[in-house]
C-alpha atoms as a PDB file:
ATOM      1  CA  MET A   1      44.197  58.439  32.034  1.00  0.00           C
ATOM      2  CA  PHE A   2      45.580  59.743  28.749  1.00  0.00           C
ATOM      3  CA  ASP A   3      46.725  63.316  28.311  1.00  0.00           C
ATOM      4  CA  LEU A   4      45.769  64.632  24.856  1.00  0.00           C
ATOM      5  CA  PRO A   5      48.496  67.320  24.514  1.00  0.00           C
ATOM      6  CA  THR A   6      51.183  64.773  25.414  1.00  0.00           C
ATOM      7  CA  LEU A   7      49.676  62.230  23.013  1.00  0.00           C
ATOM      8  CA  MET A   8      49.748  64.849  20.240  1.00  0.00           C
ATOM      9  CA  LYS A   9      53.378  65.596  21.090  1.00  0.00           C
ATOM     10  CA  GLY A  10      54.244  61.929  20.622  1.00  0.00           C
ATOM     11  CA  LEU A  11      52.224  61.839  17.399  1.00  0.00           C
ATOM     12  CA  ALA A  12      54.005  64.898  15.982  1.00  0.00           C
ATOM     13  CA  LEU A  13      57.484  63.656  16.877  1.00  0.00           C
ATOM     14  CA  GLY A  14      56.666  60.182  15.571  1.00  0.00           C
ATOM     15  CA  LEU A  15      55.470  61.540  12.236  1.00  0.00           C
ATOM     16  CA  GLY A  16      58.595  63.654  11.925  1.00  0.00           C
ATOM     17  CA  ILE A  17      60.793  60.628  12.552  1.00  0.00           C
ATOM     18  CA  PHE A  18      58.929  57.878  10.716  1.00  0.00           C
ATOM     19  CA  ILE A  19      57.963  59.671   7.499  1.00  0.00           C
ATOM     20  CA  CYS A  20      61.367  59.051   6.004  1.00  0.00           C
ATOM     21  CA  PRO A  21      62.440  56.393   3.458  1.00  0.00           C
ATOM     22  CA  GLY A  22      64.503  54.094   5.648  1.00  0.00           C
ATOM     23  CA  PRO A  23      65.458  50.496   4.763  1.00  0.00           C
ATOM     24  CA  LYS A  24      62.370  49.062   6.500  1.00  0.00           C
ATOM     25  CA  ASP A  25      60.046  51.487   4.708  1.00  0.00           C
ATOM     26  CA  VAL A  26      61.591  50.640   1.341  1.00  0.00           C
ATOM     27  CA  LEU A  27      61.279  46.896   1.888  1.00  0.00           C
ATOM     28  CA  ILE A  28      57.663  47.218   3.052  1.00  0.00           C
ATOM     29  CA  LEU A  29      56.915  49.423   0.032  1.00  0.00           C
ATOM     30  CA  ARG A  30      58.402  46.837  -2.313  1.00  0.00           C
ATOM     31  CA  GLN A  31      56.516  43.971  -0.664  1.00  0.00           C
ATOM     32  CA  ALA A  32      53.262  45.932  -0.916  1.00  0.00           C
ATOM     33  CA  LEU A  33      53.861  46.497  -4.621  1.00  0.00           C
ATOM     34  CA  LEU A  34      54.564  42.781  -5.037  1.00  0.00           C
ATOM     35  CA  GLY A  35      51.213  41.843  -3.494  1.00  0.00           C
ATOM     36  CA  ARG A  36      51.988  40.830   0.114  1.00  0.00           C
ATOM     37  CA  PRO A  37      48.923  41.156   2.417  1.00  0.00           C
ATOM     38  CA  SER A  38      48.523  44.712   3.663  1.00  0.00           C
ATOM     39  CA  LEU A  39      47.601  43.825   7.263  1.00  0.00           C
ATOM     40  CA  GLU A  40      50.749  41.739   7.635  1.00  0.00           C
ATOM     41  CA  LEU A  41      52.993  44.539   6.363  1.00  0.00           C
ATOM     42  CA  ILE A  42      51.337  47.204   8.523  1.00  0.00           C
ATOM     43  CA  ALA A  43      51.574  44.946  11.582  1.00  0.00           C
ATOM     44  CA  ILE A  44      55.284  44.224  11.047  1.00  0.00           C
ATOM     45  CA  GLY A  45      56.114  47.902  10.575  1.00  0.00           C
ATOM     46  CA  CYS A  46      54.022  49.189  13.458  1.00  0.00           C
ATOM     47  CA  ILE A  47      54.722  46.463  16.038  1.00  0.00           C
ATOM     48  CA  SER A  48      58.493  46.653  15.537  1.00  0.00           C
ATOM     49  CA  ASP A  49      58.380  50.436  16.007  1.00  0.00           C
ATOM     50  CA  ALA A  50      56.160  50.070  19.089  1.00  0.00           C
ATOM     51  CA  LEU A  51      58.574  47.634  20.744  1.00  0.00           C
ATOM     52  CA  LEU A  52      61.554  49.901  20.112  1.00  0.00           C
ATOM     53  CA  ILE A  53      59.696  53.002  21.327  1.00  0.00           C
ATOM     54  CA  TRP A  54      58.660  51.342  24.576  1.00  0.00           C
ATOM     55  CA  LEU A  55      62.172  49.975  25.114  1.00  0.00           C
ATOM     56  CA  GLY A  56      63.473  53.527  24.785  1.00  0.00           C
ATOM     57  CA  ILE A  57      60.907  54.934  27.191  1.00  0.00           C
ATOM     58  CA  ALA A  58      61.640  52.098  29.624  1.00  0.00           C
ATOM     59  CA  GLY A  59      65.294  53.141  29.872  1.00  0.00           C
ATOM     60  CA  LEU A  60      67.262  51.762  26.931  1.00  0.00           C
ATOM     61  CA  SER A  61      67.688  55.300  25.590  1.00  0.00           C
ATOM     62  CA  ALA A  62      69.650  56.183  28.746  1.00  0.00           C
ATOM     63  CA  ALA A  63      71.959  53.228  28.103  1.00  0.00           C
ATOM     64  CA  PHE A  64      72.682  54.576  24.600  1.00  0.00           C
ATOM     65  CA  ASP A  65      73.405  58.031  26.036  1.00  0.00           C
ATOM     66  CA  ALA A  66      75.820  56.504  28.543  1.00  0.00           C
ATOM     67  CA  ALA A  67      77.754  54.654  25.800  1.00  0.00           C
ATOM     68  CA  PRO A  68      78.649  57.153  23.025  1.00  0.00           C
ATOM     69  CA  GLY A  69      81.130  54.692  21.542  1.00  0.00           C
ATOM     70  CA  LEU A  70      78.375  52.117  21.059  1.00  0.00           C
ATOM     71  CA  GLN A  71      76.114  54.756  19.579  1.00  0.00           C
ATOM     72  CA  SER A  72      78.816  55.846  17.123  1.00  0.00           C
ATOM     73  CA  ALA A  73      79.535  52.258  16.106  1.00  0.00           C
ATOM     74  CA  ALA A  74      75.822  51.627  15.524  1.00  0.00           C
ATOM     75  CA  LEU A  75      75.587  54.723  13.349  1.00  0.00           C
ATOM     76  CA  TRP A  76      78.565  53.653  11.225  1.00  0.00           C
ATOM     77  CA  PHE A  77      76.976  50.226  10.872  1.00  0.00           C
ATOM     78  CA  GLY A  78      73.795  51.969   9.823  1.00  0.00           C
ATOM     79  CA  PHE A  79      75.775  53.991   7.279  1.00  0.00           C
ATOM     80  CA  CYS A  80      77.152  50.783   5.766  1.00  0.00           C
ATOM     81  CA  LEU A  81      73.677  49.239   5.736  1.00  0.00           C
ATOM     82  CA  LEU A  82      72.232  52.232   3.891  1.00  0.00           C
ATOM     83  CA  VAL A  83      75.073  52.228   1.358  1.00  0.00           C
ATOM     84  CA  GLY A  84      74.492  48.505   0.813  1.00  0.00           C
ATOM     85  CA  HIS A  85      70.774  49.082   0.194  1.00  0.00           C
ATOM     86  CA  SER A  86      71.647  51.898  -2.220  1.00  0.00           C
ATOM     87  CA  PHE A  87      74.050  49.662  -4.135  1.00  0.00           C
ATOM     88  CA  LEU A  88      71.540  46.801  -4.408  1.00  0.00           C
ATOM     89  CA  ALA A  89      68.797  49.160  -5.576  1.00  0.00           C
ATOM     90  CA  ALA A  90      71.125  50.715  -8.161  1.00  0.00           C
ATOM     91  CA  LEU A  91      72.100  47.245  -9.381  1.00  0.00           C
ATOM     92  CA  SER A  92      68.438  46.280  -9.657  1.00  0.00           C
ATOM     93  CA  ALA A  93      67.715  49.487 -11.591  1.00  0.00           C
ATOM     94  CA  ILE A  94      70.504  48.705 -14.055  1.00  0.00           C
ATOM     95  CA  ARG A  95      69.428  45.093 -14.511  1.00  0.00           C
ATOM     96  CA  GLY A  96      65.715  45.886 -14.600  1.00  0.00           C
ATOM     97  CA  ASP A  97      64.824  42.873 -12.461  1.00  0.00           C
ATOM     98  CA  GLY A  98      63.013  44.679  -9.649  1.00  0.00           C
ATOM     99  CA  ASN A  99      59.705  42.879 -10.177  1.00  0.00           C
ATOM    100  CA  LYS A 100      61.063  39.335 -10.111  1.00  0.00           C
ATOM    101  CA  GLY A 101      59.715  38.816  -6.611  1.00  0.00           C
ATOM    102  CA  VAL A 102      56.048  39.101  -7.601  1.00  0.00           C
ATOM    103  CA  LEU A 103      54.132  36.530  -5.591  1.00  0.00           C
ATOM    104  CA  SER A 104      52.738  33.603  -7.582  1.00  0.00           C
ATOM    105  CA  ASP A 105      51.341  30.206  -6.745  1.00  0.00           C
ATOM    106  CA  GLN A 106      54.592  28.502  -7.694  1.00  0.00           C
ATOM    107  CA  GLY A 107      57.082  28.846  -4.851  1.00  0.00           C
ATOM    108  CA  GLN A 108      54.825  31.329  -3.057  1.00  0.00           C
ATOM    109  CA  GLY A 109      55.362  29.817   0.381  1.00  0.00           C
ATOM    110  CA  GLU A 110      59.153  29.855   0.134  1.00  0.00           C
ATOM    111  CA  ALA A 111      59.234  33.384  -1.282  1.00  0.00           C
ATOM    112  CA  ALA A 112      56.847  34.624   1.411  1.00  0.00           C
ATOM    113  CA  MET A 113      58.977  33.110   4.195  1.00  0.00           C
ATOM    114  CA  LYS A 114      62.190  34.638   2.814  1.00  0.00           C
ATOM    115  CA  SER A 115      60.617  38.063   2.554  1.00  0.00           C
ATOM    116  CA  PHE A 116      59.135  37.694   6.066  1.00  0.00           C
ATOM    117  CA  VAL A 117      62.583  36.952   7.507  1.00  0.00           C
ATOM    118  CA  ALA A 118      63.995  39.909   5.576  1.00  0.00           C
ATOM    119  CA  LEU A 119      61.273  42.188   6.986  1.00  0.00           C
ATOM    120  CA  LEU A 120      61.984  41.084  10.555  1.00  0.00           C
ATOM    121  CA  SER A 121      65.725  41.515  10.047  1.00  0.00           C
ATOM    122  CA  VAL A 122      65.459  45.033   8.662  1.00  0.00           C
ATOM    123  CA  SER A 123      62.977  45.935  11.431  1.00  0.00           C
ATOM    124  CA  PHE A 124      65.037  44.763  14.404  1.00  0.00           C
ATOM    125  CA  LEU A 125      68.651  44.641  13.167  1.00  0.00           C
ATOM    126  CA  ASN A 126      68.718  48.101  11.595  1.00  0.00           C
ATOM    127  CA  PRO A 127      70.728  50.480  13.837  1.00  0.00           C
ATOM    128  CA  VAL A 128      69.154  53.546  12.229  1.00  0.00           C
ATOM    129  CA  ALA A 129      65.694  52.341  13.290  1.00  0.00           C
ATOM    130  CA  TRP A 130      66.970  51.661  16.806  1.00  0.00           C
ATOM    131  CA  LEU A 131      68.473  55.110  17.103  1.00  0.00           C
ATOM    132  CA  ASP A 132      65.374  56.818  15.722  1.00  0.00           C
ATOM    133  CA  ALA A 133      62.813  54.923  17.804  1.00  0.00           C
ATOM    134  CA  VAL A 134      64.876  54.236  20.925  1.00  0.00           C
ATOM    135  CA  LEU A 135      67.280  57.159  21.198  1.00  0.00           C
ATOM    136  CA  ILE A 136      65.193  60.014  19.794  1.00  0.00           C
ATOM    137  CA  VAL A 137      61.558  59.095  20.451  1.00  0.00           C
ATOM    138  CA  GLY A 138      62.319  56.936  23.481  1.00  0.00           C
ATOM    139  CA  SER A 139      64.570  59.482  25.179  1.00  0.00           C
ATOM    140  CA  VAL A 140      61.956  62.236  24.834  1.00  0.00           C
ATOM    141  CA  GLY A 141      59.335  59.920  26.297  1.00  0.00           C
ATOM    142  CA  ALA A 142      61.625  58.788  29.110  1.00  0.00           C
ATOM    143  CA  ALA A 143      62.206  62.414  30.162  1.00  0.00           C
ATOM    144  CA  LEU A 144      58.478  62.983  30.712  1.00  0.00           C
ATOM    145  CA  PRO A 145      56.742  62.375  34.052  1.00  0.00           C
ATOM    146  CA  THR A 146      55.807  58.741  34.547  1.00  0.00           C
ATOM    147  CA  ASN A 147      52.088  59.411  34.272  1.00  0.00           C
ATOM    148  CA  ALA A 148      52.580  61.086  30.863  1.00  0.00           C
ATOM    149  CA  GLN A 149      54.798  58.437  29.252  1.00  0.00           C
ATOM    150  CA  ALA A 150      51.948  56.156  28.194  1.00  0.00           C
ATOM    151  CA  SER A 151      50.187  59.009  26.372  1.00  0.00           C
ATOM    152  CA  PHE A 152      53.381  60.030  24.597  1.00  0.00           C
ATOM    153  CA  GLY A 153      54.199  56.451  23.617  1.00  0.00           C
ATOM    154  CA  LEU A 154      50.691  55.857  22.316  1.00  0.00           C
ATOM    155  CA  GLY A 155      50.944  58.989  20.175  1.00  0.00           C
ATOM    156  CA  ALA A 156      54.264  57.864  18.697  1.00  0.00           C
ATOM    157  CA  VAL A 157      52.909  54.386  17.971  1.00  0.00           C
ATOM    158  CA  ALA A 158      49.827  55.935  16.337  1.00  0.00           C
ATOM    159  CA  ALA A 159      52.169  57.906  14.071  1.00  0.00           C
ATOM    160  CA  SER A 160      53.902  54.686  13.029  1.00  0.00           C
ATOM    161  CA  PHE A 161      50.565  52.982  12.384  1.00  0.00           C
ATOM    162  CA  GLY A 162      49.303  55.904  10.317  1.00  0.00           C
ATOM    163  CA  TRP A 163      52.499  56.088   8.285  1.00  0.00           C
ATOM    164  CA  PHE A 164      52.672  52.393   7.429  1.00  0.00           C
ATOM    165  CA  THR A 165      48.950  52.248   6.665  1.00  0.00           C
ATOM    166  CA  ALA A 166      49.327  55.118   4.200  1.00  0.00           C
ATOM    167  CA  LEU A 167      52.514  53.619   2.742  1.00  0.00           C
ATOM    168  CA  VAL A 168      51.107  50.131   2.214  1.00  0.00           C
ATOM    169  CA  LEU A 169      47.674  51.144   0.937  1.00  0.00           C
ATOM    170  CA  GLY A 170      49.191  53.789  -1.298  1.00  0.00           C
ATOM    171  CA  ALA A 171      51.658  51.284  -2.728  1.00  0.00           C
ATOM    172  CA  GLN A 172      48.955  48.714  -3.374  1.00  0.00           C
ATOM    173  CA  GLY A 173      46.844  51.344  -5.068  1.00  0.00           C
ATOM    174  CA  ALA A 174      49.794  52.222  -7.298  1.00  0.00           C
ATOM    175  CA  ALA A 175      50.658  48.599  -8.069  1.00  0.00           C
ATOM    176  CA  ARG A 176      48.723  48.711 -11.328  1.00  0.00           C
ATOM    177  CA  TRP A 177      51.247  51.261 -12.600  1.00  0.00           C
ATOM    178  CA  MET A 178      54.169  48.956 -11.777  1.00  0.00           C
ATOM    179  CA  THR A 179      53.630  46.478 -14.600  1.00  0.00           C
ATOM    180  CA  SER A 180      56.586  47.442 -16.782  1.00  0.00           C
ATOM    181  CA  PRO A 181      60.336  46.943 -16.185  1.00  0.00           C
ATOM    182  CA  ARG A 182      60.814  50.690 -16.799  1.00  0.00           C
ATOM    183  CA  ALA A 183      58.580  51.583 -13.836  1.00  0.00           C
ATOM    184  CA  TRP A 184      60.586  49.285 -11.556  1.00  0.00           C
ATOM    185  CA  ARG A 185      63.841  50.762 -12.868  1.00  0.00           C
ATOM    186  CA  LEU A 186      62.614  54.239 -11.922  1.00  0.00           C
ATOM    187  CA  LEU A 187      61.543  53.042  -8.468  1.00  0.00           C
ATOM    188  CA  ASP A 188      64.874  51.344  -7.829  1.00  0.00           C
ATOM    189  CA  ALA A 189      66.766  54.413  -9.050  1.00  0.00           C
ATOM    190  CA  PHE A 190      64.779  56.591  -6.624  1.00  0.00           C
ATOM    191  CA  VAL A 191      65.449  54.141  -3.779  1.00  0.00           C
ATOM    192  CA  ALA A 192      69.177  54.098  -4.576  1.00  0.00           C
ATOM    193  CA  ILE A 193      69.373  57.899  -4.465  1.00  0.00           C
ATOM    194  CA  ALA A 194      67.285  58.144  -1.282  1.00  0.00           C
ATOM    195  CA  MET A 195      69.340  55.504   0.554  1.00  0.00           C
ATOM    196  CA  LEU A 196      72.615  57.126  -0.487  1.00  0.00           C
ATOM    197  CA  GLY A 197      71.323  60.502   0.671  1.00  0.00           C
ATOM    198  CA  LEU A 198      70.407  59.068   4.070  1.00  0.00           C
ATOM    199  CA  ALA A 199      73.806  57.387   4.355  1.00  0.00           C
ATOM    200  CA  LEU A 200      75.593  60.672   3.640  1.00  0.00           C
ATOM    201  CA  ASN A 201      73.393  62.407   6.202  1.00  0.00           C
ATOM    202  CA  VAL A 202      74.347  59.839   8.843  1.00  0.00           C
ATOM    203  CA  ALA A 203      78.042  60.144   7.942  1.00  0.00           C
ATOM    204  CA  TRP A 204      77.847  63.954   8.099  1.00  0.00           C
ATOM    205  CA  GLY A 205      76.654  63.752  11.688  1.00  0.00           C
ATOM    206  CA  LEU A 206      79.581  61.482  12.599  1.00  0.00           C
ATOM    207  CA  ILE A 207      82.389  63.546  11.041  1.00  0.00           C
END
């Protein structure tokens, strides 16, 4: 039996954590603008978050707490990942080649597979996502009574679903404005600044 206040607590915490331009969000945004099917993008974003949240609630968050050295190393790796994303976005903004991945009939299958692998990689190999979903959301859920954990987890997963649905549908609705190289330059410049800001925020917490 689900407890509504606990579900709303998971929803609120999930929204606070997930509504943030991380590497996965940026890649899903870009793929939505390039025309990848919306259901596929929403499913990848939401399912990966759901798995990490439930792993945290199941006890993986306690393992992170018990190994601060591992947690610190993961955060520094996440810092490097964010800086790398910032650099690539800045390079794309300078070159003006951000829309070269638009899906077309020629080479569509190969391009779709490469982007699918990239989406899975940034969903499951991104330490920042692990720490957000597992350590923060998962640890809060794990501290609740057993009979309340399912409600909390469902609320957090609903937050992820709502966020990625809004992100993907909003991006696809804005795709008609992304027809010029200048628009893609502006997007990539924004992404570069956002990723660098997140990286500095992570580093600040480690110093």
